[in-house]
Amino acid sequence: MYFVLTALRAGPLHGHAISKSIRELSWGRVQPSVGTLYGILERLNERGMITVDREETVNGRSRRYFRITPEGQTLLEAEAMRMQEAAALVLRPSGA
């Protein structure tokens, strides 16, 4: 979910573009399957973290573009801070 929200910070994207962005953001370490990605998109949409920006038809196929909502941005920032604080615990010198 973190990488999906991070990908959408750049602007509205469709599923394939989100997947590509996740691979790039994670240096290839995260490569969600189509089913996993659309499950995450559905849950984030249901929770109001993302919304459908628009739909269009490309080569006879419907393509939905998603965008992050203000609530999703707040959640993403909170998660980034949580991870930064957790990393600081590990990276600080011993005995500090």
PDB file of N, CA and C in Angstrom:
ATOM      1  N   MET A   1       0.824  -1.190   0.000  1.00  0.00           N
ATOM      2  CA  MET A   1       0.000   0.000   0.000  1.00  0.00           C
ATOM      3  C   MET A   1       0.871   1.257   0.000  1.00  0.00           C
ATOM      4  N   TYR A   2       1.964   1.185   0.745  1.00  0.00           N
ATOM      5  CA  TYR A   2       2.873   2.330   0.834  1.00  0.00           C
ATOM      6  C   TYR A   2       3.391   2.719  -0.549  1.00  0.00           C
ATOM      7  N   PHE A   3       3.831   1.744  -1.327  1.00  0.00           N
ATOM      8  CA  PHE A   3       4.383   2.047  -2.643  1.00  0.00           C
ATOM      9  C   PHE A   3       3.298   2.519  -3.616  1.00  0.00           C
ATOM     10  N   VAL A   4       2.079   2.012  -3.484  1.00  0.00           N
ATOM     11  CA  VAL A   4       0.979   2.475  -4.335  1.00  0.00           C
ATOM     12  C   VAL A   4       0.717   3.957  -4.062  1.00  0.00           C
ATOM     13  N   LEU A   5       0.601   4.312  -2.797  1.00  0.00           N
ATOM     14  CA  LEU A   5       0.359   5.713  -2.445  1.00  0.00           C
ATOM     15  C   LEU A   5       1.530   6.592  -2.881  1.00  0.00           C
ATOM     16  N   THR A   6       2.741   6.094  -2.706  1.00  0.00           N
ATOM     17  CA  THR A   6       3.918   6.855  -3.123  1.00  0.00           C
ATOM     18  C   THR A   6       3.911   7.077  -4.629  1.00  0.00           C
ATOM     19  N   ALA A   7       3.565   6.057  -5.387  1.00  0.00           N
ATOM     20  CA  ALA A   7       3.503   6.182  -6.847  1.00  0.00           C
ATOM     21  C   ALA A   7       2.491   7.245  -7.262  1.00  0.00           C
ATOM     22  N   LEU A   8       1.379   7.314  -6.561  1.00  0.00           N
ATOM     23  CA  LEU A   8       0.312   8.247  -6.932  1.00  0.00           C
ATOM     24  C   LEU A   8       0.594   9.687  -6.522  1.00  0.00           C
ATOM     25  N   ARG A   9       1.647   9.920  -5.764  1.00  0.00           N
ATOM     26  CA  ARG A   9       2.013  11.304  -5.411  1.00  0.00           C
ATOM     27  C   ARG A   9       2.381  12.100  -6.660  1.00  0.00           C
ATOM     28  N   ALA A  10       2.873  11.425  -7.683  1.00  0.00           N
ATOM     29  CA  ALA A  10       3.289  12.100  -8.917  1.00  0.00           C
ATOM     30  C   ALA A  10       2.093  12.537  -9.769  1.00  0.00           C
ATOM     31  N   GLY A  11       0.918  12.007  -9.466  1.00  0.00           N
ATOM     32  CA  GLY A  11      -0.274  12.345 -10.234  1.00  0.00           C
ATOM     33  C   GLY A  11      -1.051  11.088 -10.571  1.00  0.00           C
ATOM     34  N   PRO A  12      -2.227  11.243 -11.177  1.00  0.00           N
ATOM     35  CA  PRO A  12      -3.069  10.095 -11.497  1.00  0.00           C
ATOM     36  C   PRO A  12      -2.351   9.100 -12.423  1.00  0.00           C
ATOM     37  N   LEU A  13      -2.515   7.818 -12.110  1.00  0.00           N
ATOM     38  CA  LEU A  13      -1.920   6.745 -12.905  1.00  0.00           C
ATOM     39  C   LEU A  13      -2.914   5.602 -13.051  1.00  0.00           C
ATOM     40  N   HIS A  14      -2.770   4.821 -14.121  1.00  0.00           N
ATOM     41  CA  HIS A  14      -3.565   3.609 -14.289  1.00  0.00           C
ATOM     42  C   HIS A  14      -2.765   2.434 -13.725  1.00  0.00           C
ATOM     43  N   GLY A  15      -3.406   1.295 -13.599  1.00  0.00           N
ATOM     44  CA  GLY A  15      -2.806   0.141 -12.941  1.00  0.00           C
ATOM     45  C   GLY A  15      -1.429  -0.252 -13.437  1.00  0.00           C
ATOM     46  N   HIS A  16      -1.260  -0.375 -14.739  1.00  0.00           N
ATOM     47  CA  HIS A  16       0.036  -0.779 -15.284  1.00  0.00           C
ATOM     48  C   HIS A  16       1.120   0.242 -14.942  1.00  0.00           C
ATOM     49  N   ALA A  17       0.791   1.521 -15.029  1.00  0.00           N
ATOM     50  CA  ALA A  17       1.756   2.570 -14.705  1.00  0.00           C
ATOM     51  C   ALA A  17       2.089   2.559 -13.214  1.00  0.00           C
ATOM     52  N   ILE A  18       1.114   2.257 -12.372  1.00  0.00           N
ATOM     53  CA  ILE A  18       1.364   2.151 -10.931  1.00  0.00           C
ATOM     54  C   ILE A  18       2.344   1.008 -10.673  1.00  0.00           C
ATOM     55  N   SER A  19       2.095  -0.133 -11.300  1.00  0.00           N
ATOM     56  CA  SER A  19       2.971  -1.299 -11.136  1.00  0.00           C
ATOM     57  C   SER A  19       4.403  -0.972 -11.566  1.00  0.00           C
ATOM     58  N   LYS A  20       4.548  -0.312 -12.694  1.00  0.00           N
ATOM     59  CA  LYS A  20       5.869   0.071 -13.187  1.00  0.00           C
ATOM     60  C   LYS A  20       6.553   1.033 -12.213  1.00  0.00           C
ATOM     61  N   SER A  21       5.808   1.994 -11.708  1.00  0.00           N
ATOM     62  CA  SER A  21       6.355   2.962 -10.757  1.00  0.00           C
ATOM     63  C   SER A  21       6.802   2.276  -9.467  1.00  0.00           C
ATOM     64  N   ILE A  22       6.019   1.302  -8.995  1.00  0.00           N
ATOM     65  CA  ILE A  22       6.385   0.562  -7.785  1.00  0.00           C
ATOM     66  C   ILE A  22       7.714  -0.162  -7.994  1.00  0.00           C
ATOM     67  N   ARG A  23       7.868  -0.809  -9.137  1.00  0.00           N
ATOM     68  CA  ARG A  23       9.137  -1.498  -9.421  1.00  0.00           C
ATOM     69  C   ARG A  23      10.303  -0.516  -9.407  1.00  0.00           C
ATOM     70  N   GLU A  24      10.102   0.665 -10.000  1.00  0.00           N
ATOM     71  CA  GLU A  24      11.168   1.667 -10.040  1.00  0.00           C
ATOM     72  C   GLU A  24      11.462   2.225  -8.647  1.00  0.00           C
ATOM     73  N   LEU A  25      10.415   2.560  -7.890  1.00  0.00           N
ATOM     74  CA  LEU A  25      10.596   3.127  -6.555  1.00  0.00           C
ATOM     75  C   LEU A  25      11.293   2.155  -5.603  1.00  0.00           C
ATOM     76  N   SER A  26      11.050   0.859  -5.797  1.00  0.00           N
ATOM     77  CA  SER A  26      11.600  -0.166  -4.894  1.00  0.00           C
ATOM     78  C   SER A  26      12.875  -0.798  -5.447  1.00  0.00           C
ATOM     79  N   TRP A  27      13.421  -0.233  -6.500  1.00  0.00           N
ATOM     80  CA  TRP A  27      14.611  -0.774  -7.163  1.00  0.00           C
ATOM     81  C   TRP A  27      14.425  -2.248  -7.524  1.00  0.00           C
ATOM     82  N   GLY A  28      13.200  -2.578  -7.958  1.00  0.00           N
ATOM     83  CA  GLY A  28      12.892  -3.929  -8.402  1.00  0.00           C
ATOM     84  C   GLY A  28      12.584  -4.926  -7.301  1.00  0.00           C
ATOM     85  N   ARG A  29      12.601  -4.499  -6.057  1.00  0.00           N
ATOM     86  CA  ARG A  29      12.354  -5.419  -4.942  1.00  0.00           C
ATOM     87  C   ARG A  29      10.882  -5.737  -4.747  1.00  0.00           C
ATOM     88  N   VAL A  30      10.003  -4.843  -5.173  1.00  0.00           N
ATOM     89  CA  VAL A  30       8.559  -5.051  -5.026  1.00  0.00           C
ATOM     90  C   VAL A  30       7.959  -5.100  -6.420  1.00  0.00           C
ATOM     91  N   GLN A  31       7.356  -6.244  -6.745  1.00  0.00           N
ATOM     92  CA  GLN A  31       6.742  -6.437  -8.051  1.00  0.00           C
ATOM     93  C   GLN A  31       5.389  -7.121  -7.852  1.00  0.00           C
ATOM     94  N   PRO A  32       4.373  -6.325  -7.529  1.00  0.00           N
ATOM     95  CA  PRO A  32       3.069  -6.931  -7.225  1.00  0.00           C
ATOM     96  C   PRO A  32       2.437  -7.572  -8.452  1.00  0.00           C
ATOM     97  N   SER A  33       1.776  -8.705  -8.222  1.00  0.00           N
ATOM     98  CA  SER A  33       1.018  -9.324  -9.301  1.00  0.00           C
ATOM     99  C   SER A  33      -0.179  -8.438  -9.615  1.00  0.00           C
ATOM    100  N   VAL A  34      -0.796  -8.680 -10.744  1.00  0.00           N
ATOM    101  CA  VAL A  34      -1.966  -7.895 -11.136  1.00  0.00           C
ATOM    102  C   VAL A  34      -3.075  -8.030 -10.088  1.00  0.00           C
ATOM    103  N   GLY A  35      -3.315  -9.251  -9.644  1.00  0.00           N
ATOM    104  CA  GLY A  35      -4.357  -9.487  -8.651  1.00  0.00           C
ATOM    105  C   GLY A  35      -4.085  -8.781  -7.334  1.00  0.00           C
ATOM    106  N   THR A  36      -2.833  -8.833  -6.893  1.00  0.00           N
ATOM    107  CA  THR A  36      -2.454  -8.163  -5.650  1.00  0.00           C
ATOM    108  C   THR A  36      -2.623  -6.657  -5.780  1.00  0.00           C
ATOM    109  N   LEU A  37      -2.138  -6.102  -6.895  1.00  0.00           N
ATOM    110  CA  LEU A  37      -2.232  -4.657  -7.104  1.00  0.00           C
ATOM    111  C   LEU A  37      -3.679  -4.191  -7.108  1.00  0.00           C
ATOM    112  N   TYR A  38      -4.544  -4.884  -7.846  1.00  0.00           N
ATOM    113  CA  TYR A  38      -5.932  -4.430  -7.910  1.00  0.00           C
ATOM    114  C   TYR A  38      -6.670  -4.647  -6.588  1.00  0.00           C
ATOM    115  N   GLY A  39      -6.260  -5.639  -5.805  1.00  0.00           N
ATOM    116  CA  GLY A  39      -6.817  -5.804  -4.461  1.00  0.00           C
ATOM    117  C   GLY A  39      -6.442  -4.624  -3.568  1.00  0.00           C
ATOM    118  N   ILE A  40      -5.181  -4.193  -3.661  1.00  0.00           N
ATOM    119  CA  ILE A  40      -4.719  -3.034  -2.889  1.00  0.00           C
ATOM    120  C   ILE A  40      -5.461  -1.777  -3.338  1.00  0.00           C
ATOM    121  N   LEU A  41      -5.583  -1.584  -4.649  1.00  0.00           N
ATOM    122  CA  LEU A  41      -6.290  -0.408  -5.160  1.00  0.00           C
ATOM    123  C   LEU A  41      -7.737  -0.389  -4.673  1.00  0.00           C
ATOM    124  N   GLU A  42      -8.382  -1.539  -4.673  1.00  0.00           N
ATOM    125  CA  GLU A  42      -9.774  -1.616  -4.220  1.00  0.00           C
ATOM    126  C   GLU A  42      -9.877  -1.245  -2.739  1.00  0.00           C
ATOM    127  N   ARG A  43      -8.978  -1.795  -1.903  1.00  0.00           N
ATOM    128  CA  ARG A  43      -9.015  -1.494  -0.468  1.00  0.00           C
ATOM    129  C   ARG A  43      -8.719  -0.015  -0.201  1.00  0.00           C
ATOM    130  N   LEU A  44      -7.718   0.526  -0.883  1.00  0.00           N
ATOM    131  CA  LEU A  44      -7.392   1.946  -0.692  1.00  0.00           C
ATOM    132  C   LEU A  44      -8.553   2.838  -1.124  1.00  0.00           C
ATOM    133  N   ASN A  45      -9.221   2.456  -2.202  1.00  0.00           N
ATOM    134  CA  ASN A  45     -10.372   3.220  -2.684  1.00  0.00           C
ATOM    135  C   ASN A  45     -11.525   3.144  -1.680  1.00  0.00           C
ATOM    136  N   GLU A  46     -11.800   1.950  -1.163  1.00  0.00           N
ATOM    137  CA  GLU A  46     -12.867   1.778  -0.181  1.00  0.00           C
ATOM    138  C   GLU A  46     -12.601   2.585   1.087  1.00  0.00           C
ATOM    139  N   ARG A  47     -11.343   2.732   1.453  1.00  0.00           N
ATOM    140  CA  ARG A  47     -10.962   3.464   2.671  1.00  0.00           C
ATOM    141  C   ARG A  47     -10.795   4.968   2.431  1.00  0.00           C
ATOM    142  N   GLY A  48     -10.987   5.407   1.187  1.00  0.00           N
ATOM    143  CA  GLY A  48     -10.905   6.831   0.879  1.00  0.00           C
ATOM    144  C   GLY A  48      -9.488   7.365   0.755  1.00  0.00           C
ATOM    145  N   MET A  49      -8.501   6.469   0.622  1.00  0.00           N
ATOM    146  CA  MET A  49      -7.112   6.893   0.497  1.00  0.00           C
ATOM    147  C   MET A  49      -6.759   7.270  -0.946  1.00  0.00           C
ATOM    148  N   ILE A  50      -7.488   6.672  -1.885  1.00  0.00           N
ATOM    149  CA  ILE A  50      -7.362   7.004  -3.304  1.00  0.00           C
ATOM    150  C   ILE A  50      -8.767   7.103  -3.875  1.00  0.00           C
ATOM    151  N   THR A  51      -8.865   7.665  -5.063  1.00  0.00           N
ATOM    152  CA  THR A  51     -10.148   7.732  -5.746  1.00  0.00           C
ATOM    153  C   THR A  51      -9.903   7.588  -7.241  1.00  0.00           C
ATOM    154  N   VAL A  52     -10.942   7.197  -7.958  1.00  0.00           N
ATOM    155  CA  VAL A  52     -10.835   7.120  -9.416  1.00  0.00           C
ATOM    156  C   VAL A  52     -10.841   8.545  -9.951  1.00  0.00           C
ATOM    157  N   ASP A  53      -9.808   8.885 -10.696  1.00  0.00           N
ATOM    158  CA  ASP A  53      -9.677  10.219 -11.270  1.00  0.00           C
ATOM    159  C   ASP A  53     -10.468  10.315 -12.571  1.00  0.00           C
ATOM    160  N   ARG A  54     -10.317   9.283 -13.405  1.00  0.00           N
ATOM    161  CA  ARG A  54     -11.038   9.243 -14.675  1.00  0.00           C
ATOM    162  C   ARG A  54     -10.936   7.841 -15.268  1.00  0.00           C
ATOM    163  N   GLU A  55     -11.755   7.590 -16.267  1.00  0.00           N
ATOM    164  CA  GLU A  55     -11.695   6.334 -17.009  1.00  0.00           C
ATOM    165  C   GLU A  55     -11.637   6.669 -18.483  1.00  0.00           C
ATOM    166  N   GLU A  56     -10.884   5.863 -19.219  1.00  0.00           N
ATOM    167  CA  GLU A  56     -10.825   6.037 -20.667  1.00  0.00           C
ATOM    168  C   GLU A  56     -10.683   4.673 -21.313  1.00  0.00           C
ATOM    169  N   THR A  57     -10.967   4.611 -22.589  1.00  0.00           N
ATOM    170  CA  THR A  57     -10.835   3.366 -23.331  1.00  0.00           C
ATOM    171  C   THR A  57      -9.619   3.463 -24.233  1.00  0.00           C
ATOM    172  N   VAL A  58      -8.743   2.475 -24.113  1.00  0.00           N
ATOM    173  CA  VAL A  58      -7.526   2.416 -24.916  1.00  0.00           C
ATOM    174  C   VAL A  58      -7.492   1.045 -25.582  1.00  0.00           C
ATOM    175  N   ASN A  59      -7.461   1.038 -26.907  1.00  0.00           N
ATOM    176  CA  ASN A  59      -7.461  -0.219 -27.673  1.00  0.00           C
ATOM    177  C   ASN A  59      -8.610  -1.137 -27.264  1.00  0.00           C
ATOM    178  N   GLY A  60      -9.776  -0.541 -27.032  1.00  0.00           N
ATOM    179  CA  GLY A  60     -10.962  -1.301 -26.696  1.00  0.00           C
ATOM    180  C   GLY A  60     -11.042  -1.759 -25.249  1.00  0.00           C
ATOM    181  N   ARG A  61     -10.067  -1.375 -24.433  1.00  0.00           N
ATOM    182  CA  ARG A  61     -10.059  -1.779 -23.030  1.00  0.00           C
ATOM    183  C   ARG A  61     -10.226  -0.561 -22.135  1.00  0.00           C
ATOM    184  N   SER A  62     -11.023  -0.741 -21.091  1.00  0.00           N
ATOM    185  CA  SER A  62     -11.246   0.345 -20.139  1.00  0.00           C
ATOM    186  C   SER A  62     -10.028   0.494 -19.247  1.00  0.00           C
ATOM    187  N   ARG A  63      -9.621   1.719 -19.026  1.00  0.00           N
ATOM    188  CA  ARG A  63      -8.461   2.012 -18.181  1.00  0.00           C
ATOM    189  C   ARG A  63      -8.881   3.044 -17.139  1.00  0.00           C
ATOM    190  N   ARG A  64      -8.730   2.665 -15.858  1.00  0.00           N
ATOM    191  CA  ARG A  64      -9.069   3.586 -14.767  1.00  0.00           C
ATOM    192  C   ARG A  64      -7.794   4.212 -14.223  1.00  0.00           C
ATOM    193  N   TYR A  65      -7.852   5.511 -14.038  1.00  0.00           N
ATOM    194  CA  TYR A  65      -6.753   6.253 -13.444  1.00  0.00           C
ATOM    195  C   TYR A  65      -7.128   6.572 -12.006  1.00  0.00           C
ATOM    196  N   PHE A  66      -6.194   6.357 -11.107  1.00  0.00           N
ATOM    197  CA  PHE A  66      -6.413   6.619  -9.692  1.00  0.00           C
ATOM    198  C   PHE A  66      -5.567   7.804  -9.259  1.00  0.00           C
ATOM    199  N   ARG A  67      -6.040   8.508  -8.233  1.00  0.00           N
ATOM    200  CA  ARG A  67      -5.247   9.588  -7.646  1.00  0.00           C
ATOM    201  C   ARG A  67      -5.335   9.476  -6.130  1.00  0.00           C
ATOM    202  N   ILE A  68      -4.304   9.968  -5.464  1.00  0.00           N
ATOM    203  CA  ILE A  68      -4.266   9.954  -4.000  1.00  0.00           C
ATOM    204  C   ILE A  68      -5.165  11.073  -3.477  1.00  0.00           C
ATOM    205  N   THR A  69      -5.859  10.809  -2.385  1.00  0.00           N
ATOM    206  CA  THR A  69      -6.715  11.822  -1.758  1.00  0.00           C
ATOM    207  C   THR A  69      -5.917  12.528  -0.653  1.00  0.00           C
ATOM    208  N   PRO A  70      -6.436  13.628  -0.127  1.00  0.00           N
ATOM    209  CA  PRO A  70      -5.751  14.265   1.007  1.00  0.00           C
ATOM    210  C   PRO A  70      -5.586  13.301   2.195  1.00  0.00           C
ATOM    211  N   GLU A  71      -6.568  12.439   2.420  1.00  0.00           N
ATOM    212  CA  GLU A  71      -6.473  11.458   3.501  1.00  0.00           C
ATOM    213  C   GLU A  71      -5.348  10.460   3.216  1.00  0.00           C
ATOM    214  N   GLY A  72      -5.212  10.064   1.964  1.00  0.00           N
ATOM    215  CA  GLY A  72      -4.135   9.157   1.576  1.00  0.00           C
ATOM    216  C   GLY A  72      -2.776   9.812   1.743  1.00  0.00           C
ATOM    217  N   GLN A  73      -2.674  11.070   1.407  1.00  0.00           N
ATOM    218  CA  GLN A  73      -1.420  11.808   1.566  1.00  0.00           C
ATOM    219  C   GLN A  73      -1.041  11.895   3.044  1.00  0.00           C
ATOM    220  N   THR A  74      -2.024  12.161   3.892  1.00  0.00           N
ATOM    221  CA  THR A  74      -1.768  12.228   5.341  1.00  0.00           C
ATOM    222  C   THR A  74      -1.297  10.880   5.861  1.00  0.00           C
ATOM    223  N   LEU A  75      -1.953   9.801   5.444  1.00  0.00           N
ATOM    224  CA  LEU A  75      -1.555   8.457   5.856  1.00  0.00           C
ATOM    225  C   LEU A  75      -0.139   8.146   5.380  1.00  0.00           C
ATOM    226  N   LEU A  76       0.175   8.480   4.143  1.00  0.00           N
ATOM    227  CA  LEU A  76       1.498   8.220   3.586  1.00  0.00           C
ATOM    228  C   LEU A  76       2.574   8.964   4.366  1.00  0.00           C
ATOM    229  N   GLU A  77       2.340  10.223   4.675  1.00  0.00           N
ATOM    230  CA  GLU A  77       3.309  11.009   5.439  1.00  0.00           C
ATOM    231  C   GLU A  77       3.502  10.439   6.844  1.00  0.00           C
ATOM    232  N   ALA A  78       2.416  10.007   7.480  1.00  0.00           N
ATOM    233  CA  ALA A  78       2.510   9.418   8.817  1.00  0.00           C
ATOM    234  C   ALA A  78       3.315   8.119   8.775  1.00  0.00           C
ATOM    235  N   GLU A  79       3.084   7.313   7.760  1.00  0.00           N
ATOM    236  CA  GLU A  79       3.820   6.056   7.621  1.00  0.00           C
ATOM    237  C   GLU A  79       5.293   6.320   7.350  1.00  0.00           C
ATOM    238  N   ALA A  80       5.605   7.313   6.544  1.00  0.00           N
ATOM    239  CA  ALA A  80       7.001   7.665   6.268  1.00  0.00           C
ATOM    240  C   ALA A  80       7.700   8.105   7.550  1.00  0.00           C
ATOM    241  N   MET A  81       7.017   8.892   8.375  1.00  0.00           N
ATOM    242  CA  MET A  81       7.587   9.330   9.649  1.00  0.00           C
ATOM    243  C   MET A  81       7.800   8.136  10.579  1.00  0.00           C
ATOM    244  N   ARG A  82       6.836   7.230  10.624  1.00  0.00           N
ATOM    245  CA  ARG A  82       6.954   6.037  11.467  1.00  0.00           C
ATOM    246  C   ARG A  82       8.168   5.217  11.047  1.00  0.00           C
ATOM    247  N   MET A  83       8.349   5.032   9.749  1.00  0.00           N
ATOM    248  CA  MET A  83       9.492   4.256   9.266  1.00  0.00           C
ATOM    249  C   MET A  83      10.803   4.976   9.545  1.00  0.00           C
ATOM    250  N   GLN A  84      10.816   6.290   9.415  1.00  0.00           N
ATOM    251  CA  GLN A  84      12.020   7.063   9.705  1.00  0.00           C
ATOM    252  C   GLN A  84      12.403   6.928  11.181  1.00  0.00           C
ATOM    253  N   GLU A  85      11.416   7.005  12.058  1.00  0.00           N
ATOM    254  CA  GLU A  85      11.681   6.856  13.484  1.00  0.00           C
ATOM    255  C   GLU A  85      12.164   5.448  13.816  1.00  0.00           C
ATOM    256  N   ALA A  86      11.585   4.439  13.177  1.00  0.00           N
ATOM    257  CA  ALA A  86      12.016   3.058  13.408  1.00  0.00           C
ATOM    258  C   ALA A  86      13.446   2.856  12.913  1.00  0.00           C
ATOM    259  N   ALA A  87      13.778   3.421  11.770  1.00  0.00           N
ATOM    260  CA  ALA A  87      15.138   3.308  11.246  1.00  0.00           C
ATOM    261  C   ALA A  87      16.135   4.009  12.146  1.00  0.00           C
ATOM    262  N   ALA A  88      15.751   5.134  12.716  1.00  0.00           N
ATOM    263  CA  ALA A  88      16.645   5.876  13.607  1.00  0.00           C
ATOM    264  C   ALA A  88      17.017   5.042  14.830  1.00  0.00           C
ATOM    265  N   LEU A  89      16.100   4.209  15.315  1.00  0.00           N
ATOM    266  CA  LEU A  89      16.401   3.334  16.450  1.00  0.00           C
ATOM    267  C   LEU A  89      17.532   2.360  16.121  1.00  0.00           C
ATOM    268  N   VAL A  90      17.523   1.881  14.909  1.00  0.00           N
ATOM    269  CA  VAL A  90      18.526   0.904  14.478  1.00  0.00           C
ATOM    270  C   VAL A  90      19.847   1.584  14.137  1.00  0.00           C
ATOM    271  N   LEU A  91      19.779   2.769  13.554  1.00  0.00           N
ATOM    272  CA  LEU A  91      20.979   3.432  13.056  1.00  0.00           C
ATOM    273  C   LEU A  91      21.720   4.267  14.084  1.00  0.00           C
ATOM    274  N   ARG A  92      21.088   4.543  15.212  1.00  0.00           N
ATOM    275  CA  ARG A  92      21.794   5.359  16.216  1.00  0.00           C
ATOM    276  C   ARG A  92      22.900   4.523  16.851  1.00  0.00           C
ATOM    277  N   PRO A  93      23.931   5.179  17.318  1.00  0.00           N
ATOM    278  CA  PRO A  93      25.065   4.460  17.927  1.00  0.00           C
ATOM    279  C   PRO A  93      24.627   3.675  19.163  1.00  0.00           C
ATOM    280  N   SER A  94      25.278   2.546  19.401  1.00  0.00           N
ATOM    281  CA  SER A  94      24.985   1.721  20.581  1.00  0.00           C
ATOM    282  C   SER A  94      25.260   2.514  21.843  1.00  0.00           C
ATOM    283  N   GLY A  95      24.469   2.300  22.847  1.00  0.00           N
ATOM    284  CA  GLY A  95      24.645   2.964  24.132  1.00  0.00           C
ATOM    285  C   GLY A  95      24.098   4.371  24.186  1.00  0.00           C
ATOM    286  N   ALA A  96      23.511   4.817  23.105  1.00  0.00           N
ATOM    287  CA  ALA A  96      22.981   6.193  23.073  1.00  0.00           C
ATOM    288  C   ALA A  96      21.624   6.239  23.730  1.00  0.00           C
TER     289      ALA A  96
END
